[in-house]
Amino acid sequence: MKSILLIISALVFFLQNLSFSSASLEENCRRIHEFNPERSYDFCVTSLQVVPESPTANLSQLDVIASELMIKNYTHTLGVVQRLLKNQSLSHWQREALRVCNETYSSG
């Protein structure tokens, strides 16, 4: 989730500093990587290409796509943690780890 959030931040930066681009998904991810080399080009492409509209999306549209992916991943992860917490066969340490994870995710 942290990586998706950072990709969104980079996209927002580009939206503020570039005109709307019709560059390819790969080119937009390359720009993000050049702006901040810590951002993985491969992760950007892999994360965004799962959405059929991504290959032809401009930066503004990619920002929306990345935001929607982040929300879906966040919601899914929180649901998995909450479902795992209902498992009565968890050890004390497993339950504690999941409790902390649930608390952290629930606080946003």
Protein backbone atom coordinates (compact mmCIF):
# COMPACT_ATOMS: atom_id res chain seq x y z
CA MET A 1 0.00 0.00 0.00
CA LYS A 2 2.85 2.36 0.82
CA SER A 3 4.30 1.89 -2.67
CA ILE A 4 0.96 2.62 -4.33
CA LEU A 5 0.63 5.76 -2.21
CA LEU A 6 4.08 6.89 -3.32
CA ILE A 7 3.23 6.25 -6.97
CA ILE A 8 0.07 8.33 -6.52
CA SER A 9 2.14 11.12 -4.98
CA ALA A 10 4.51 11.08 -7.92
CA LEU A 11 1.58 11.15 -10.36
CA VAL A 12 0.10 14.16 -8.57
CA PHE A 13 3.46 15.91 -8.83
CA PHE A 14 3.52 15.33 -12.58
CA LEU A 15 -0.04 16.56 -12.93
CA GLN A 16 0.98 19.82 -11.33
CA ASN A 17 4.15 20.23 -13.39
CA LEU A 18 3.35 18.81 -16.82
CA SER A 19 0.60 19.32 -19.30
CA PHE A 20 -1.79 16.43 -19.67
CA SER A 21 0.23 13.74 -21.32
CA SER A 22 -0.90 11.18 -23.82
CA ALA A 23 2.30 9.22 -23.26
CA SER A 24 2.09 5.48 -22.83
CA LEU A 25 1.77 3.83 -19.45
CA GLU A 26 5.39 2.72 -19.74
CA GLU A 27 6.58 6.26 -20.52
CA ASN A 28 4.61 7.73 -17.61
CA CYS A 29 6.05 5.09 -15.24
CA ARG A 30 9.53 5.83 -16.63
CA ARG A 31 9.02 9.53 -15.84
CA ILE A 32 7.99 8.68 -12.29
CA HIS A 33 11.07 6.49 -11.90
CA GLU A 34 13.35 9.23 -13.31
CA PHE A 35 11.82 11.78 -10.94
CA ASN A 36 12.39 9.46 -7.98
CA PRO A 37 14.65 6.44 -8.66
CA GLU A 38 13.43 4.76 -5.47
CA ARG A 39 10.09 4.22 -7.21
CA SER A 40 10.19 0.97 -9.11
CA TYR A 41 9.43 1.25 -12.82
CA ASP A 42 8.42 -2.43 -12.93
CA PHE A 43 6.10 -2.07 -9.93
CA CYS A 44 4.44 0.97 -11.50
CA VAL A 45 3.79 -0.78 -14.81
CA THR A 46 2.75 -4.07 -13.21
CA SER A 47 0.39 -2.38 -10.75
CA LEU A 48 -1.33 -0.14 -13.27
CA GLN A 49 -1.48 -2.44 -16.30
CA VAL A 50 -4.07 -4.68 -14.62
CA VAL A 51 -6.65 -1.98 -15.33
CA PRO A 52 -7.71 -2.15 -19.00
CA GLU A 53 -7.90 1.66 -19.33
CA SER A 54 -4.32 2.23 -18.13
CA PRO A 55 -2.41 1.80 -21.42
CA THR A 56 -4.22 4.75 -23.01
CA ALA A 57 -4.73 6.85 -19.86
CA ASN A 58 -3.12 10.25 -19.39
CA LEU A 59 -1.49 11.21 -16.09
CA SER A 60 -4.72 12.53 -14.61
CA GLN A 61 -6.52 9.30 -15.44
CA LEU A 62 -3.60 7.22 -14.10
CA ASP A 63 -3.86 9.15 -10.84
CA VAL A 64 -7.51 8.14 -10.53
CA ILE A 65 -6.72 4.52 -11.46
CA ALA A 66 -3.90 4.32 -8.89
CA SER A 67 -6.14 5.85 -6.22
CA GLU A 68 -8.90 3.34 -6.91
CA LEU A 69 -6.39 0.46 -6.80
CA MET A 70 -5.05 1.70 -3.48
CA ILE A 71 -8.53 1.85 -1.96
CA LYS A 72 -9.39 -1.65 -3.23
CA ASN A 73 -6.13 -3.09 -1.88
CA TYR A 74 -6.59 -1.33 1.46
CA THR A 75 -10.16 -2.57 1.82
CA HIS A 76 -9.24 -6.11 0.79
CA THR A 77 -6.28 -6.29 3.20
CA LEU A 78 -8.36 -4.98 6.10
CA GLY A 79 -11.03 -7.58 5.35
CA VAL A 80 -8.47 -10.40 5.27
CA VAL A 81 -7.00 -9.31 8.62
CA GLN A 82 -10.45 -9.10 10.21
CA ARG A 83 -11.39 -12.52 8.84
CA LEU A 84 -8.14 -14.05 10.14
CA LEU A 85 -8.80 -12.59 13.59
CA LYS A 86 -11.93 -14.77 13.80
CA ASN A 87 -9.78 -17.91 13.53
CA GLN A 88 -9.86 -19.49 16.99
CA SER A 89 -6.78 -21.65 16.37
CA LEU A 90 -4.35 -18.72 16.22
CA SER A 91 -1.56 -18.53 18.74
CA HIS A 92 -1.35 -15.58 21.12
CA TRP A 93 1.45 -14.04 19.03
CA GLN A 94 -0.37 -14.50 15.74
CA ARG A 95 -3.50 -12.91 17.19
CA GLU A 96 -1.45 -10.03 18.63
CA ALA A 97 0.27 -9.40 15.28
CA LEU A 98 -3.07 -9.38 13.50
CA ARG A 99 -4.59 -7.14 16.18
CA VAL A 100 -1.82 -4.57 15.65
CA CYS A 101 -2.24 -4.84 11.89
CA ASN A 102 -6.01 -4.40 12.21
CA GLU A 103 -5.57 -1.42 14.51
CA THR A 104 -3.08 0.21 12.14
CA TYR A 105 -5.22 -0.36 9.05
CA SER A 106 -8.40 0.73 10.83
CA SER A 107 -6.83 4.04 11.83
CA GLY A 108 -6.12 4.77 8.17
